[in-house]
Amino acid sequence: MKPKTLKMMGWIATGTAMLMYISYLPQIIHNIHGVKSGFLQPMVAAINCVLWVSYGFFQEKKDWPIVIANLPGVILGTIAAMTAL
């Protein structure tokens, strides 16, 4: 595959990953309003995203699509898990 195509695919994957984690917003709103949901899945997702953000950030050449794609998962996954408790 051509490098330009791979780069484009990386940024498309970044966008879809961000949308996946933004989908936690309704769960967070329900949790805050007393309609609690499970905390395990968003907590595991947040831990996974911390690992991916660390991996992308600490590369010799930073892998920004990985960092940017997973940063919302760290934040929103943690909030979703904590508000579910």
C-alpha atoms as a PDB file:
ATOM      1  CA  MET A   1       0.000   0.000   0.000  1.00  0.00           C
ATOM      2  CA  LYS A   2       1.244   3.486  -0.792  1.00  0.00           C
ATOM      3  CA  PRO A   3       2.458   5.622   2.154  1.00  0.00           C
ATOM      4  CA  LYS A   4      -0.079   8.355   1.314  1.00  0.00           C
ATOM      5  CA  THR A   5      -2.918   5.811   1.401  1.00  0.00           C
ATOM      6  CA  LEU A   6      -1.693   4.411   4.726  1.00  0.00           C
ATOM      7  CA  LYS A   7      -1.488   7.895   6.214  1.00  0.00           C
ATOM      8  CA  MET A   8      -5.037   8.669   5.071  1.00  0.00           C
ATOM      9  CA  MET A   9      -6.252   5.353   6.506  1.00  0.00           C
ATOM     10  CA  GLY A  10      -4.584   6.217   9.819  1.00  0.00           C
ATOM     11  CA  TRP A  11      -6.403   9.531  10.057  1.00  0.00           C
ATOM     12  CA  ILE A  12      -9.740   7.954   9.087  1.00  0.00           C
ATOM     13  CA  ALA A  13      -9.209   5.354  11.823  1.00  0.00           C
ATOM     14  CA  THR A  14      -8.387   8.214  14.199  1.00  0.00           C
ATOM     15  CA  GLY A  15     -11.720   9.861  13.418  1.00  0.00           C
ATOM     16  CA  THR A  16     -13.736   6.679  13.870  1.00  0.00           C
ATOM     17  CA  ALA A  17     -11.961   5.879  17.149  1.00  0.00           C
ATOM     18  CA  MET A  18     -12.759   9.357  18.445  1.00  0.00           C
ATOM     19  CA  LEU A  19     -16.428   8.895  17.496  1.00  0.00           C
ATOM     20  CA  MET A  20     -16.444   5.566  19.330  1.00  0.00           C
ATOM     21  CA  TYR A  21     -15.278   7.213  22.560  1.00  0.00           C
ATOM     22  CA  ILE A  22     -17.492  10.278  22.136  1.00  0.00           C
ATOM     23  CA  SER A  23     -20.398   7.821  22.188  1.00  0.00           C
ATOM     24  CA  TYR A  24     -19.768   7.541  25.954  1.00  0.00           C
ATOM     25  CA  LEU A  25     -21.377  10.971  26.414  1.00  0.00           C
ATOM     26  CA  PRO A  26     -24.982   9.658  26.599  1.00  0.00           C
ATOM     27  CA  GLN A  27     -23.862   7.007  29.117  1.00  0.00           C
ATOM     28  CA  ILE A  28     -22.176   9.678  31.229  1.00  0.00           C
ATOM     29  CA  ILE A  29     -25.329  11.835  31.123  1.00  0.00           C
ATOM     30  CA  HIS A  30     -27.502   8.868  32.170  1.00  0.00           C
ATOM     31  CA  ASN A  31     -25.074   7.990  34.971  1.00  0.00           C
ATOM     32  CA  ILE A  32     -25.151  11.554  36.283  1.00  0.00           C
ATOM     33  CA  HIS A  33     -28.971  11.509  36.239  1.00  0.00           C
ATOM     34  CA  GLY A  34     -29.095   8.319  38.307  1.00  0.00           C
ATOM     35  CA  VAL A  35     -29.559   5.745  35.530  1.00  0.00           C
ATOM     36  CA  LYS A  36     -26.365   3.857  36.320  1.00  0.00           C
ATOM     37  CA  SER A  37     -24.706   1.497  33.882  1.00  0.00           C
ATOM     38  CA  GLY A  38     -21.752  -0.850  34.147  1.00  0.00           C
ATOM     39  CA  PHE A  39     -18.345   0.623  34.905  1.00  0.00           C
ATOM     40  CA  LEU A  40     -16.162  -2.280  33.751  1.00  0.00           C
ATOM     41  CA  GLN A  41     -16.226  -1.782  29.964  1.00  0.00           C
ATOM     42  CA  PRO A  42     -15.443   1.960  29.997  1.00  0.00           C
ATOM     43  CA  MET A  43     -12.738   1.448  32.656  1.00  0.00           C
ATOM     44  CA  VAL A  44     -11.042  -1.283  30.608  1.00  0.00           C
ATOM     45  CA  ALA A  45     -11.340   0.933  27.516  1.00  0.00           C
ATOM     46  CA  ALA A  46      -9.716   3.819  29.407  1.00  0.00           C
ATOM     47  CA  ILE A  47      -6.828   1.601  30.551  1.00  0.00           C
ATOM     48  CA  ASN A  48      -6.384   0.319  26.996  1.00  0.00           C
ATOM     49  CA  CYS A  49      -6.339   3.886  25.705  1.00  0.00           C
ATOM     50  CA  VAL A  50      -3.751   4.954  28.301  1.00  0.00           C
ATOM     51  CA  LEU A  51      -1.504   2.194  26.988  1.00  0.00           C
ATOM     52  CA  TRP A  52      -2.026   3.238  23.348  1.00  0.00           C
ATOM     53  CA  VAL A  53      -1.496   6.938  24.109  1.00  0.00           C
ATOM     54  CA  SER A  54       1.716   6.059  25.954  1.00  0.00           C
ATOM     55  CA  TYR A  55       2.854   3.834  23.095  1.00  0.00           C
ATOM     56  CA  GLY A  56       2.215   6.517  20.476  1.00  0.00           C
ATOM     57  CA  PHE A  57       3.675   9.359  22.536  1.00  0.00           C
ATOM     58  CA  PHE A  58       6.874   7.656  23.652  1.00  0.00           C
ATOM     59  CA  GLN A  59       7.863   6.418  20.195  1.00  0.00           C
ATOM     60  CA  GLU A  60      11.057   8.003  18.911  1.00  0.00           C
ATOM     61  CA  LYS A  61       8.906   9.522  16.144  1.00  0.00           C
ATOM     62  CA  LYS A  62       5.600  10.263  17.879  1.00  0.00           C
ATOM     63  CA  ASP A  63       2.613   8.467  16.339  1.00  0.00           C
ATOM     64  CA  TRP A  64       0.083  11.301  16.537  1.00  0.00           C
ATOM     65  CA  PRO A  65      -2.877   9.464  14.963  1.00  0.00           C
ATOM     66  CA  ILE A  66      -2.652   6.826  17.721  1.00  0.00           C
ATOM     67  CA  VAL A  67      -2.292   9.462  20.452  1.00  0.00           C
ATOM     68  CA  ILE A  68      -5.138  11.641  19.164  1.00  0.00           C
ATOM     69  CA  ALA A  69      -7.439   8.676  18.500  1.00  0.00           C
ATOM     70  CA  ASN A  70      -7.089   7.290  22.011  1.00  0.00           C
ATOM     71  CA  LEU A  71      -6.963  10.459  24.125  1.00  0.00           C
ATOM     72  CA  PRO A  72     -10.779  10.855  24.152  1.00  0.00           C
ATOM     73  CA  GLY A  73     -10.996   7.235  25.334  1.00  0.00           C
ATOM     74  CA  VAL A  74      -8.768   8.004  28.311  1.00  0.00           C
ATOM     75  CA  ILE A  75     -10.852  10.992  29.338  1.00  0.00           C
ATOM     76  CA  LEU A  76     -14.384   9.858  28.476  1.00  0.00           C
ATOM     77  CA  GLY A  77     -13.824   6.205  29.433  1.00  0.00           C
ATOM     78  CA  THR A  78     -12.610   7.293  32.862  1.00  0.00           C
ATOM     79  CA  ILE A  79     -15.521   9.705  33.323  1.00  0.00           C
ATOM     80  CA  ALA A  80     -18.046   7.064  32.184  1.00  0.00           C
ATOM     81  CA  ALA A  81     -16.582   4.495  34.573  1.00  0.00           C
ATOM     82  CA  MET A  82     -16.379   6.864  37.539  1.00  0.00           C
ATOM     83  CA  THR A  83     -19.910   8.209  37.107  1.00  0.00           C
ATOM     84  CA  ALA A  84     -21.240   4.627  36.909  1.00  0.00           C
ATOM     85  CA  LEU A  85     -20.040   3.876  40.446  1.00  0.00           C
END
